[in-house]
Protein backbone atom coordinates (compact mmCIF):
# COMPACT_ATOMS: atom_id res chain seq x y z
CA UNK A 1 -33.04 42.96 -2.81
CA UNK A 2 -32.75 44.60 0.80
CA UNK A 3 -32.42 41.14 2.17
CA UNK A 4 -29.33 40.30 0.71
CA UNK A 5 -27.80 43.85 1.06
CA UNK A 6 -28.71 43.70 4.70
CA UNK A 7 -27.37 40.11 4.93
CA UNK A 8 -23.95 41.44 3.62
CA UNK A 9 -23.20 44.44 5.41
CA UNK A 10 -23.88 42.41 8.79
CA UNK A 11 -21.61 40.14 6.96
CA UNK A 12 -18.96 43.14 6.99
CA UNK A 13 -19.14 45.34 10.22
CA UNK A 14 -20.42 41.92 12.83
CA UNK A 15 -17.61 40.59 13.52
CA UNK A 16 -18.74 38.36 15.81
CA UNK A 17 -19.87 36.51 13.10
CA UNK A 18 -16.29 36.02 12.30
CA UNK A 19 -16.15 33.39 14.63
CA UNK A 20 -18.68 31.13 12.77
CA UNK A 21 -16.91 31.46 9.78
CA UNK A 22 -13.88 30.71 11.27
CA UNK A 23 -15.36 27.58 12.80
CA UNK A 24 -16.95 26.39 9.50
CA UNK A 25 -13.85 27.15 7.70
CA UNK A 26 -11.52 25.23 10.33
CA UNK A 27 -14.17 22.17 9.83
CA UNK A 28 -14.04 22.37 6.43
CA UNK A 29 -10.71 22.29 6.22
CA UNK A 30 -10.04 19.74 8.64
CA UNK A 31 -12.09 16.94 7.18
CA UNK A 32 -10.67 18.26 3.58
CA UNK A 33 -6.85 16.74 4.64
CA UNK A 34 -8.09 14.54 6.93
CA UNK A 35 -9.74 12.30 3.67
CA UNK A 36 -6.98 13.24 1.78
CA UNK A 37 -4.38 11.72 3.84
CA UNK A 38 -6.32 8.38 4.67
CA UNK A 39 -8.37 7.69 0.97
CA UNK A 40 -4.09 8.06 0.38
CA UNK A 41 -3.41 5.70 2.18
CA UNK A 42 -6.23 3.73 0.61
CA UNK A 43 -5.57 3.50 -2.69
CA UNK A 44 -1.90 3.49 -1.53
CA UNK A 45 -2.34 0.36 -0.13
CA UNK A 46 -4.94 -1.24 -2.04
CA UNK A 47 -2.75 -0.34 -5.21
CA UNK A 48 -0.06 -2.41 -3.39
CA UNK A 49 -2.35 -5.62 -2.18
CA UNK A 50 -3.48 -6.10 -5.65
CA UNK A 51 -0.06 -5.39 -7.49
CA UNK A 52 1.13 -9.12 -5.24
CA UNK A 53 -2.20 -10.41 -6.24
CA UNK A 54 -4.19 -10.83 -9.16
CA UNK A 55 -7.53 -9.93 -9.29
CA UNK A 56 -8.94 -13.37 -8.99
CA UNK A 57 -7.59 -16.25 -7.65
CA UNK A 58 -8.70 -20.02 -8.82
CA UNK A 59 -7.34 -22.44 -6.08
CA UNK A 60 -7.37 -25.31 -5.00
CA UNK A 61 -8.83 -26.54 -0.85
CA UNK A 62 -5.82 -29.41 -1.46
CA UNK A 63 -3.28 -27.27 -0.44
CA UNK A 64 -0.42 -29.53 -0.79
CA UNK A 65 -0.80 -31.28 -3.63
CA UNK A 66 -3.04 -29.07 -6.00
CA UNK A 67 -4.96 -29.86 -8.76
CA UNK A 68 -3.07 -31.67 -12.12
CA UNK A 69 -3.39 -30.60 -15.78
CA UNK A 70 -3.44 -26.71 -15.84
CA UNK A 71 -4.00 -26.09 -19.59
CA UNK A 72 -7.32 -27.78 -18.99
CA UNK A 73 -8.18 -26.14 -16.32
CA UNK A 74 -6.60 -22.93 -18.52
CA UNK A 75 -9.20 -23.92 -21.22
CA UNK A 76 -12.26 -24.15 -19.30
CA UNK A 77 -11.92 -21.08 -18.09
CA UNK A 78 -11.20 -19.27 -20.76
CA UNK A 79 -14.65 -20.94 -22.37
CA UNK A 80 -16.26 -20.27 -19.22
CA UNK A 81 -15.28 -16.10 -18.59
CA UNK A 82 -12.89 -15.50 -21.66
CA UNK A 83 -15.03 -12.01 -22.66
CA UNK A 84 -13.81 -10.94 -19.29
CA UNK A 85 -10.04 -12.33 -19.07
CA UNK A 86 -6.82 -10.57 -19.85
CA UNK A 87 -4.74 -13.38 -18.96
CA UNK A 88 -4.07 -16.66 -16.39
CA UNK A 89 -1.17 -17.87 -14.93
CA UNK A 90 -0.61 -20.63 -12.80
CA UNK A 91 1.13 -21.19 -9.15
CA UNK A 92 2.58 -23.61 -6.79
CA UNK A 93 2.13 -21.68 -3.07
CA UNK A 94 3.59 -23.32 0.07
CA UNK A 95 5.18 -22.68 3.28
CA UNK A 96 8.68 -22.64 4.22
CA UNK A 97 12.16 -21.79 5.69
CA UNK A 98 14.22 -19.04 3.79
CA UNK A 99 18.26 -19.32 5.63
CA UNK A 100 21.55 -17.68 4.48
CA UNK A 101 24.70 -16.48 5.77
CA UNK A 102 25.43 -13.26 5.11
CA UNK A 103 28.76 -12.26 3.26
CA UNK A 104 31.49 -10.54 6.11
CA UNK A 105 29.52 -12.62 9.13
CA UNK A 106 29.44 -16.78 10.74
CA UNK A 107 25.39 -15.87 11.44
CA UNK A 108 23.04 -18.36 10.25
CA UNK A 109 19.74 -16.31 9.12
CA UNK A 110 16.75 -18.22 9.24
CA UNK A 111 13.16 -17.30 8.51
CA UNK A 112 9.85 -18.28 8.04
CA UNK A 113 8.34 -17.67 4.79
CA UNK A 114 5.94 -18.37 2.16
CA UNK A 115 7.30 -19.67 -0.90
CA UNK A 116 5.64 -18.93 -5.14
CA UNK A 117 6.55 -20.82 -8.09
CA UNK A 118 5.36 -18.60 -10.48
CA UNK A 119 5.60 -18.69 -14.59
CA UNK A 120 8.43 -15.78 -15.51
CA UNK A 121 6.40 -15.57 -18.83
CA UNK A 122 2.67 -15.12 -17.15
CA UNK A 123 3.38 -13.32 -13.88
CA UNK A 124 3.99 -9.73 -14.69
CA UNK A 125 0.87 -10.06 -17.26
CA UNK A 126 -1.71 -11.16 -14.12
CA UNK A 127 0.22 -8.78 -11.70
CA UNK A 128 2.47 -5.48 -11.10
CA UNK A 129 4.69 -7.35 -9.65
CA UNK A 130 7.17 -6.88 -12.35
CA UNK A 131 7.22 -3.51 -11.34
CA UNK A 132 8.21 -3.98 -8.29
CA UNK A 133 11.66 -5.49 -9.49
CA UNK A 134 15.03 -3.29 -8.92
CA UNK A 135 16.63 -3.98 -12.18
CA UNK A 136 15.20 -2.32 -15.46
CA UNK A 137 15.82 -5.66 -17.88
CA UNK A 138 13.61 -7.85 -15.18
CA UNK A 139 10.61 -4.87 -15.13
CA UNK A 140 10.38 -5.43 -19.12
CA UNK A 141 10.96 -9.23 -18.92
CA UNK A 142 11.03 -11.31 -15.94
CA UNK A 143 14.15 -13.43 -16.46
CA UNK A 144 15.44 -16.22 -13.60
CA UNK A 145 18.83 -15.37 -15.09
CA UNK A 146 21.23 -13.46 -12.33
CA UNK A 147 22.17 -9.60 -14.58
CA UNK A 148 25.70 -8.72 -14.43
CA UNK A 149 25.19 -5.18 -13.06
CA UNK A 150 22.39 -2.42 -13.19
CA UNK A 151 20.58 -3.15 -10.17
CA UNK A 152 19.27 0.15 -9.04
CA UNK A 153 20.63 1.74 -6.02
CA UNK A 154 17.71 3.46 -5.01
CA UNK A 155 13.75 2.77 -4.37
CA UNK A 156 11.36 3.70 -6.63
CA UNK A 157 10.04 7.21 -6.25
CA UNK A 158 12.56 10.50 -6.40
CA UNK A 159 12.58 9.84 -2.28
CA UNK A 160 13.14 6.55 -2.24
CA UNK A 161 15.31 4.76 -0.60
CA UNK A 162 18.99 4.78 -0.83
CA UNK A 163 20.82 1.10 -1.26
CA UNK A 164 24.65 1.95 -1.75
CA UNK A 165 24.90 -1.99 -2.23
CA UNK A 166 23.52 -2.01 -4.71
CA UNK A 167 25.35 -1.30 -7.38
CA UNK A 168 27.41 -3.70 -6.97
CA UNK A 169 24.59 -6.58 -7.37
CA UNK A 170 24.87 -9.14 -9.96
CA UNK A 171 27.62 -10.96 -11.90
CA UNK A 172 30.38 -9.00 -10.36
CA UNK A 173 29.53 -9.27 -6.81
CA UNK A 174 29.29 -13.09 -6.86
CA UNK A 175 32.76 -13.32 -8.49
CA UNK A 176 34.07 -11.42 -6.01
CA UNK A 177 32.64 -13.13 -3.22
CA UNK A 178 33.33 -17.12 -5.16
CA UNK A 179 36.75 -15.75 -5.00
CA UNK A 180 36.93 -14.42 -1.75
CA UNK A 181 34.92 -17.52 -0.03
CA UNK A 182 37.74 -19.28 -2.23
CA UNK A 183 40.97 -17.65 -0.49
CA UNK A 184 39.14 -17.60 3.11
CA UNK A 185 39.03 -21.68 2.50
CA UNK A 186 42.68 -21.41 1.57
CA UNK A 187 44.00 -20.30 4.46
CA UNK A 188 41.26 -21.85 7.16
CA UNK A 189 42.91 -25.13 5.15
CA UNK A 190 46.61 -24.66 4.42
CA UNK A 191 47.75 -27.71 2.20
CA UNK A 192 50.10 -30.07 4.76
CA UNK A 193 53.30 -31.01 4.02
CA UNK A 194 54.74 -34.66 2.17
CA UNK A 195 55.59 -35.89 6.01
CA UNK A 196 52.34 -35.08 7.51
CA UNK A 197 50.24 -35.83 5.11
CA UNK A 198 52.05 -39.51 5.14
CA UNK A 199 51.42 -39.84 8.69
CA UNK A 200 47.45 -38.68 8.58
CA UNK A 201 45.04 -40.70 7.20
CA UNK A 202 44.88 -41.02 3.69
CA UNK A 203 41.63 -41.01 1.43
CA UNK A 204 41.47 -44.16 -0.94
CA UNK A 205 39.97 -42.26 -3.50
CA UNK A 206 41.67 -39.49 -3.51
CA UNK A 207 43.70 -40.08 -6.80
CA UNK A 208 41.02 -40.96 -8.81
CA UNK A 209 40.29 -37.53 -11.62
CA UNK A 210 36.74 -35.81 -10.59
CA UNK A 211 34.54 -35.52 -13.35
CA UNK A 212 34.86 -31.21 -14.62
CA UNK A 213 30.71 -31.31 -15.41
CA UNK A 214 29.70 -31.99 -11.10
CA UNK A 215 31.99 -29.39 -9.92
CA UNK A 216 29.58 -26.37 -9.27
CA UNK A 217 31.74 -22.91 -10.05
CA UNK A 218 29.81 -20.33 -8.15
CA UNK A 219 32.36 -17.21 -9.60
CA UNK A 220 30.69 -19.15 -13.24
CA UNK A 221 26.99 -20.74 -12.22
CA UNK A 222 24.28 -20.60 -10.49
CA UNK A 223 21.51 -22.33 -9.09
CA UNK A 224 18.00 -22.06 -10.14
CA UNK A 225 16.95 -18.21 -9.37
CA UNK A 226 14.82 -16.79 -6.63
CA UNK A 227 13.46 -13.70 -6.08
CA UNK A 228 13.27 -11.84 -2.27
CA UNK A 229 11.75 -8.97 -0.30
CA UNK A 230 13.75 -6.57 1.11
CA UNK A 231 12.15 -6.89 3.88
CA UNK A 232 13.78 -10.38 4.02
CA UNK A 233 16.84 -8.74 2.93
CA UNK A 234 17.53 -5.62 5.13
CA UNK A 235 19.28 -5.90 7.92
CA UNK A 236 18.18 -1.77 9.42
CA UNK A 237 17.03 0.90 7.74
CA UNK A 238 17.64 4.70 9.08
CA UNK A 239 16.70 8.17 7.85
CA UNK A 240 19.32 11.14 8.27
CA UNK A 241 18.70 14.73 7.57
CA UNK A 242 20.15 16.17 4.38
CA UNK A 243 22.25 19.42 5.97
CA UNK A 244 22.26 21.61 2.90
CA UNK A 245 18.58 20.57 1.80
CA UNK A 246 16.53 19.67 4.77
CA UNK A 247 15.28 16.70 3.02
CA UNK A 248 14.72 13.20 4.12
CA UNK A 249 17.32 10.76 3.58
CA UNK A 250 16.13 6.91 4.15
CA UNK A 251 19.02 4.47 4.14
CA UNK A 252 18.45 0.72 3.68
CA UNK A 253 21.30 -1.95 4.63
CA UNK A 254 20.76 -5.15 3.09
CA UNK A 255 21.86 -8.72 4.11
CA UNK A 256 21.02 -10.51 0.66
CA UNK A 257 22.18 -9.20 -2.80
CA UNK A 258 21.22 -10.20 -5.89
CA UNK A 259 24.41 -12.93 -6.73
CA UNK A 260 24.28 -14.69 -3.03
CA UNK A 261 23.13 -17.82 -2.54
CA UNK A 262 19.91 -18.66 -0.18
CA UNK A 263 19.09 -22.37 1.05
CA UNK A 264 15.15 -22.83 0.72
CA UNK A 265 13.42 -26.20 2.88
CA UNK A 266 9.93 -26.43 2.71
CA UNK A 267 7.85 -29.86 2.61
CA UNK A 268 7.20 -32.23 -0.06
CA UNK A 269 3.63 -32.94 -1.90
CA UNK A 270 1.75 -36.49 -1.20
CA UNK A 271 0.93 -38.63 1.81
CA UNK A 272 3.88 -39.15 2.75
CA UNK A 273 5.37 -35.22 3.48
CA UNK A 274 8.76 -35.35 3.94
CA UNK A 275 10.81 -31.69 4.17
CA UNK A 276 13.18 -30.48 0.89
CA UNK A 277 16.15 -28.83 0.72
CA UNK A 278 17.43 -27.12 -2.17
CA UNK A 279 19.76 -24.16 -3.04
CA UNK A 280 19.20 -21.50 -4.71
CA UNK A 281 20.46 -17.95 -6.11
CA UNK A 282 19.45 -14.51 -5.56
CA UNK A 283 18.78 -13.02 -9.19
CA UNK A 284 16.31 -10.12 -7.71
CA UNK A 285 14.71 -8.10 -4.99
CA UNK A 286 11.27 -6.73 -4.78
CA UNK A 287 9.96 -3.87 -2.77
CA UNK A 288 5.93 -4.08 -2.66
CA UNK A 289 5.91 -1.80 0.12
CA UNK A 290 3.94 -3.96 1.90
CA UNK A 291 5.39 -5.06 4.74
CA UNK A 292 3.56 -8.30 5.21
CA UNK A 293 5.09 -9.47 1.62
CA UNK A 294 7.93 -7.67 1.15
CA UNK A 295 8.69 -10.06 4.50
CA UNK A 296 7.46 -13.33 3.31
CA UNK A 297 6.53 -14.09 0.06
CA UNK A 298 9.59 -15.54 -2.11
CA UNK A 299 9.64 -16.11 -5.24
CA UNK A 300 11.32 -18.94 -7.52
CA UNK A 301 10.30 -20.56 -10.69
CA UNK A 302 6.92 -22.60 -10.76
CA UNK A 303 9.05 -25.77 -12.79
CA UNK A 304 11.93 -25.80 -10.41
CA UNK A 305 9.29 -26.25 -7.44
CA UNK A 306 7.25 -28.41 -8.77
CA UNK A 307 10.41 -31.05 -9.19
CA UNK A 308 11.94 -30.73 -5.74
CA UNK A 309 7.93 -30.75 -3.98
CA UNK A 310 7.08 -34.13 -6.72
CA UNK A 311 4.35 -32.43 -8.06
CA UNK A 312 3.80 -34.92 -10.56
CA UNK A 313 0.35 -36.23 -11.69
CA UNK A 314 0.82 -39.73 -12.89
CA UNK A 315 -3.10 -40.28 -13.95
CA UNK A 316 -3.12 -37.22 -16.37
CA UNK A 317 1.11 -37.39 -16.68
CA UNK A 318 0.80 -33.68 -16.37
CA UNK A 319 2.31 -31.29 -12.57
CA UNK A 320 -0.16 -30.29 -10.55
CA UNK A 321 -0.42 -27.00 -9.66
CA UNK A 322 -2.03 -24.53 -6.32
CA UNK A 323 -3.64 -21.61 -7.81
CA UNK A 324 -4.41 -20.25 -10.87
CA UNK A 325 -3.98 -16.45 -10.72
CA UNK A 326 -6.87 -14.30 -13.10
CA UNK A 327 -6.17 -10.39 -14.34
CA UNK A 328 -9.68 -9.16 -15.54
CA UNK A 329 -10.08 -7.12 -19.27
CA UNK A 330 -9.85 -3.09 -17.80
CA UNK A 331 -13.48 -1.85 -16.65
CA UNK A 332 -14.13 -5.52 -15.49
CA UNK A 333 -16.72 -6.28 -12.28
CA UNK A 334 -14.77 -8.94 -10.86
CA UNK A 335 -17.43 -10.39 -9.12
CA UNK A 336 -18.71 -11.13 -11.90
CA UNK A 337 -16.03 -12.86 -13.37
CA UNK A 338 -15.82 -14.97 -9.63
CA UNK A 339 -19.87 -15.64 -10.00
CA UNK A 340 -19.40 -16.85 -13.20
CA UNK A 341 -16.43 -19.43 -12.64
CA UNK A 342 -18.08 -20.38 -9.10
CA UNK A 343 -21.55 -21.50 -11.38
CA UNK A 344 -19.56 -24.03 -12.92
CA UNK A 345 -16.54 -25.01 -10.67
CA UNK A 346 -17.16 -27.36 -7.70
CA UNK A 347 -17.55 -25.39 -4.94
CA UNK A 348 -16.51 -28.73 -2.95
CA UNK A 349 -12.95 -28.49 -4.78
CA UNK A 350 -12.23 -25.04 -5.41
CA UNK A 351 -12.10 -21.81 -3.89
CA UNK A 352 -12.96 -19.09 -6.10
CA UNK A 353 -12.52 -15.50 -5.20
CA UNK A 354 -11.42 -11.63 -5.45
CA UNK A 355 -8.59 -9.90 -4.00
CA UNK A 356 -11.38 -7.63 -2.10
CA UNK A 357 -12.82 -11.31 -0.97
CA UNK A 358 -9.28 -12.32 0.73
CA UNK A 359 -7.98 -8.89 2.60
CA UNK A 360 -12.03 -8.11 3.57
CA UNK A 361 -10.72 -8.30 7.34
CA UNK A 362 -8.06 -5.31 6.57
CA UNK A 363 -10.40 -3.62 4.11
CA UNK A 364 -12.88 -3.75 6.60
CA UNK A 365 -11.02 -2.36 9.30
CA UNK A 366 -9.67 0.93 7.25
CA UNK A 367 -13.36 1.31 5.67
CA UNK A 368 -14.39 1.39 9.57
CA UNK A 369 -11.72 3.90 11.13
CA UNK A 370 -12.30 6.19 8.01
CA UNK A 371 -16.05 6.53 9.07
CA UNK A 372 -15.14 6.78 12.43
CA UNK A 373 -13.25 9.14 11.94
CA UNK A 374 -15.28 11.22 9.81
CA UNK A 375 -18.06 11.20 12.13
CA UNK A 376 -15.56 12.40 14.99
CA UNK A 377 -14.85 15.29 12.56
CA UNK A 378 -18.41 15.63 11.70
CA UNK A 379 -19.24 17.31 14.94
CA UNK A 380 -17.23 19.90 14.42
CA UNK A 381 -19.15 21.02 12.45
CA UNK A 382 -21.69 20.05 15.29
CA UNK A 383 -20.00 22.44 17.69
CA UNK A 384 -19.67 25.44 14.71
CA UNK A 385 -23.94 25.38 14.23
CA UNK A 386 -24.02 25.72 17.99
CA UNK A 387 -22.23 28.36 17.75
CA UNK A 388 -23.37 30.03 14.56
CA UNK A 389 -27.02 29.26 16.45
CA UNK A 390 -25.67 31.33 20.36
CA UNK A 391 -24.35 33.84 18.19
CA UNK A 392 -27.55 34.24 15.74
CA UNK A 393 -29.85 35.02 19.05
CA UNK A 394 -27.10 37.42 20.34
CA UNK A 395 -27.59 39.33 16.79
CA UNK A 396 -31.12 38.92 17.54
CA UNK A 397 -31.75 40.26 20.93
CA UNK A 398 -29.20 43.50 19.88
CA UNK A 399 -31.28 44.15 16.29
CA UNK A 400 -35.05 43.98 17.52
CA UNK A 401 -34.75 48.06 17.79
CA UNK A 402 -33.84 47.60 13.70
CA UNK A 403 -36.20 44.40 13.13
CA UNK A 404 -39.10 46.38 14.29
CA UNK A 405 -38.40 49.42 12.56
CA UNK A 406 -38.06 47.36 8.97
CA UNK A 407 -41.59 45.96 10.14
CA UNK A 408 -42.87 49.45 10.60
CA UNK A 409 -41.73 49.83 6.95
CA UNK A 410 -43.31 47.17 5.79
CA UNK A 411 -41.30 44.67 5.97
CA UNK A 412 -42.92 41.05 6.33
CA UNK A 413 -42.26 38.43 9.17
CA UNK A 414 -41.33 36.24 6.44
CA UNK A 415 -38.59 38.93 5.16
CA UNK A 416 -37.23 39.42 8.21
CA UNK A 417 -37.09 35.51 8.67
CA UNK A 418 -35.09 35.14 5.03
CA UNK A 419 -32.70 37.91 6.12
CA UNK A 420 -31.38 35.47 8.70
CA UNK A 421 -31.93 32.61 7.18
CA UNK A 422 -29.64 33.37 4.08
CA UNK A 423 -27.17 35.14 6.84
CA UNK A 424 -26.59 31.79 8.18
CA UNK A 425 -26.35 30.48 4.43
CA UNK A 426 -23.87 32.84 3.53
CA UNK A 427 -21.95 32.53 6.71
CA UNK A 428 -21.97 28.75 5.62
CA UNK A 429 -20.90 29.47 2.17
CA UNK A 430 -17.87 31.74 2.45
CA UNK A 431 -16.89 29.28 5.59
CA UNK A 432 -16.76 26.48 3.30
CA UNK A 433 -15.04 28.51 0.88
CA UNK A 434 -12.49 29.46 2.90
CA UNK A 435 -12.18 25.84 4.22
CA UNK A 436 -11.53 23.94 0.72
CA UNK A 437 -8.96 26.74 -0.49
CA UNK A 438 -7.23 26.25 3.14
CA UNK A 439 -7.54 22.26 3.14
CA UNK A 440 -6.42 21.50 -0.59
CA UNK A 441 -3.42 24.02 -0.20
CA UNK A 442 -2.74 21.70 3.20
CA UNK A 443 -2.84 19.15 1.09
CA UNK A 444 -0.87 20.64 -1.84
CA UNK A 445 2.03 21.18 0.70
CA UNK A 446 1.59 18.53 2.68
CA UNK A 447 4.99 17.37 2.37
CA UNK A 448 6.64 20.82 3.53
CA UNK A 449 4.15 21.24 6.40
CA UNK A 450 5.39 17.66 7.98
CA UNK A 451 8.99 19.14 7.55
CA UNK A 452 7.78 22.12 9.37
CA UNK A 453 6.25 20.44 12.26
CA UNK A 454 8.86 18.14 12.58
CA UNK A 455 11.30 20.49 12.94
CA UNK A 456 8.90 22.61 15.44
CA UNK A 457 8.65 19.31 18.31
CA UNK A 458 12.12 18.16 17.00
CA UNK A 459 10.53 15.00 16.49
CA UNK A 460 9.66 13.07 13.45
CA UNK A 461 6.14 13.84 12.43
CA UNK A 462 5.86 10.87 9.56
CA UNK A 463 8.19 8.21 9.89
CA UNK A 464 9.02 5.83 6.66
CA UNK A 465 10.31 3.46 8.73
CA UNK A 466 6.67 3.13 10.23
CA UNK A 467 4.78 3.78 7.49
CA UNK A 468 6.81 2.12 4.52
CA UNK A 469 6.11 5.57 2.37
CA UNK A 470 8.58 7.80 2.02
CA UNK A 471 5.70 10.60 1.21
CA UNK A 472 2.55 11.42 3.04
CA UNK A 473 0.06 9.74 -0.01
CA UNK A 474 -2.81 11.88 -0.78
CA UNK A 475 -5.81 12.00 -3.19
CA UNK A 476 -8.47 14.46 -2.98
CA UNK A 477 -11.84 12.63 -4.03
CA UNK A 478 -13.98 15.39 -5.65
CA UNK A 479 -17.55 13.84 -4.69
CA UNK A 480 -16.20 13.27 -0.94
CA UNK A 481 -15.28 16.95 -0.80
CA UNK A 482 -18.04 18.40 -2.32
CA UNK A 483 -20.12 16.07 0.65
CA UNK A 484 -18.02 17.41 2.81
CA UNK A 485 -19.50 21.27 1.71
CA UNK A 486 -22.42 20.43 1.03
CA UNK A 487 -22.80 19.03 4.49
CA UNK A 488 -21.52 22.44 5.89
CA UNK A 489 -23.34 24.48 4.15
CA UNK A 490 -26.35 22.74 5.38
CA UNK A 491 -25.80 23.05 9.26
CA UNK A 492 -24.96 26.44 9.06
CA UNK A 493 -27.57 27.08 7.50
CA UNK A 494 -30.27 25.13 9.73
CA UNK A 495 -28.96 27.12 13.28
CA UNK A 496 -30.00 30.04 11.67
CA UNK A 497 -34.03 28.23 11.24
CA UNK A 498 -34.47 29.07 15.07
CA UNK A 499 -33.13 32.80 15.63
CA UNK A 500 -34.69 33.60 12.14
CA UNK A 501 -37.84 32.02 13.71
CA UNK A 502 -37.76 34.86 17.19
CA UNK A 503 -36.79 37.81 14.59
CA UNK A 504 -40.21 36.85 12.80
CA UNK A 505 -42.25 36.89 15.85
CA UNK A 506 -40.93 40.15 17.09
CA UNK A 507 -43.54 42.55 17.48
CA UNK A 508 -42.40 45.96 15.93
CA UNK A 509 -44.86 48.43 18.05
CA UNK A 510 -43.95 46.95 20.96
CA UNK A 511 -40.15 46.27 19.91
CA UNK A 512 -39.82 50.94 19.55
CA UNK A 513 -42.36 50.96 22.20
CA UNK A 514 -39.59 49.99 24.73
C-alpha cells in the first residue's frame, strides 16, 4: 500500500514529472487525430470507389467486342455463386470523346472520356451510383428521360457546393435555350427580299414539303439521354467566406446543364474499326467526389451504345457486353465470390476481379502512407520514453537518502523497485488518459479548429477545391485507439525499468552515512 501512496505523492509534488505526462499526452493525442483523419480519408475514398464500381467485375479480355449472350452468362453466374450474389447488371465500356458548346459562348469544349453503357433498371442495384445523382426522382429510380425541373441546387451534405444554375435545369431550360438559338439563327440569316431571292441560286428541292416526323424539335424532343460527371461540366469552383457566419461557401460554375445536347464519338466494334458519333441530351449530372471518375466517366443507355457500336453477335442472335458488374450479399467475402467464379470460367477469356483488385495500387499507396506516418509519430513516444528515463534517473539520484531511509525501515529492494515502476506506469496512464480526451475533443471540433487556424494563418488549411471534400472526414477506429494507448503505457512503463533497478541497488548504510 505504501508503494501506491508514494507514487501518488510523487505525481502530485514532483512537477518535473509533469513534462513526461505532457509528452505522453501530446503523443497520444497526435496519433489519435492523425489516424482519425487518415482513416476518414481512406474510408471515404473506399466508399466512393466502391460506389461507382461494383463488388466484383466479370469482364472479357476483348474490351472492343466483348462477349455475347448476357442472359446465358447471368444464369451461369447465379448457378455457380447464387448464394453469394444479390444482383448483377450488364455494362458496355468504351473510350470516346465528349464535345459540346456551352450556352452563351461559341467555344467548343472537347474532352477525352470513358463511355459506359448501363441498364437503368439494374445499375442502381449493384452500386451506389444512384445516390450521386442530382435529381431526387433519379435517386429513387434512374431514368434517361429529361426531368421537367427539380434538380438539386446544392451538392450533397449541408456544406455541399452551391450550383445556382441547376435551379433552371431540365425541360424549362431546354425550351428556353431552343428558343434563344432559333431567334439567333433568324438574326444571323434574315429572310431575303423577292428580287435578291430571284437573283440568287435556287434550291430545286426547296418547294417540296418536308415530313414533320423528320424535323427534330429540341423544344419538344430529346436525344438519347446521357449522364455527365460534375468534373466534365465544371468551368470553375470557387470558395468564399460568409461574413455573418464565417462558414466556407463553395460555389460551382457549370458549363453543362441537364437539357443541353452533347456529341459523343467512339470506336465501333468488330475487326473494321471506325469512329461513330451521335447526339445525346444531358439528362442528369452526378458527383461521386472522386475527381478521376467525375471527369472521365459518361453514362448512356446500354441499348443505344450497343446499337451505335454494332455490338451484335450473329451466331447467338444477341447483343454483346464487355462487363458484368456483380453486387455481393451483405457480409459475403468478395474474395470468395471472385475465386468461385474463377474456378469455373476460363481465365484465358475472362478477367474476374474485385474492386480492391482494380484499385490495388492506390489502396497500397494509402496503406503505406498511413503505416509510415504511424512509424514516424511513434518516435514521439520514443522521445517521451527517453524523457521519462532521464527524469527518473534524476529523481533516483535526488531521492537516494529517502530510498536509504525506506530500506532501513524494512523496505525490500523489490519493493523500492516497484515504487518507481508503478510511478512510471502511473505517468503513462495519466498521460494516455489526458491524450485520449484531448485527441477525441480535437477530432470532434476539427472543423472549428480548421477555421480558427485558417483565420490565424490567413491561409485556407483545408481546401475543398483540392481534396473534393467539403468537410474534413474523420473516423475513430476503436482498436487503433486502444493500440495507441497500450503502446504509450508500455513505453512509459519500460522507461522506468532502468531507474527502478538503480534505485533497488542503493545501499542504505552507505547512503545514510554520506
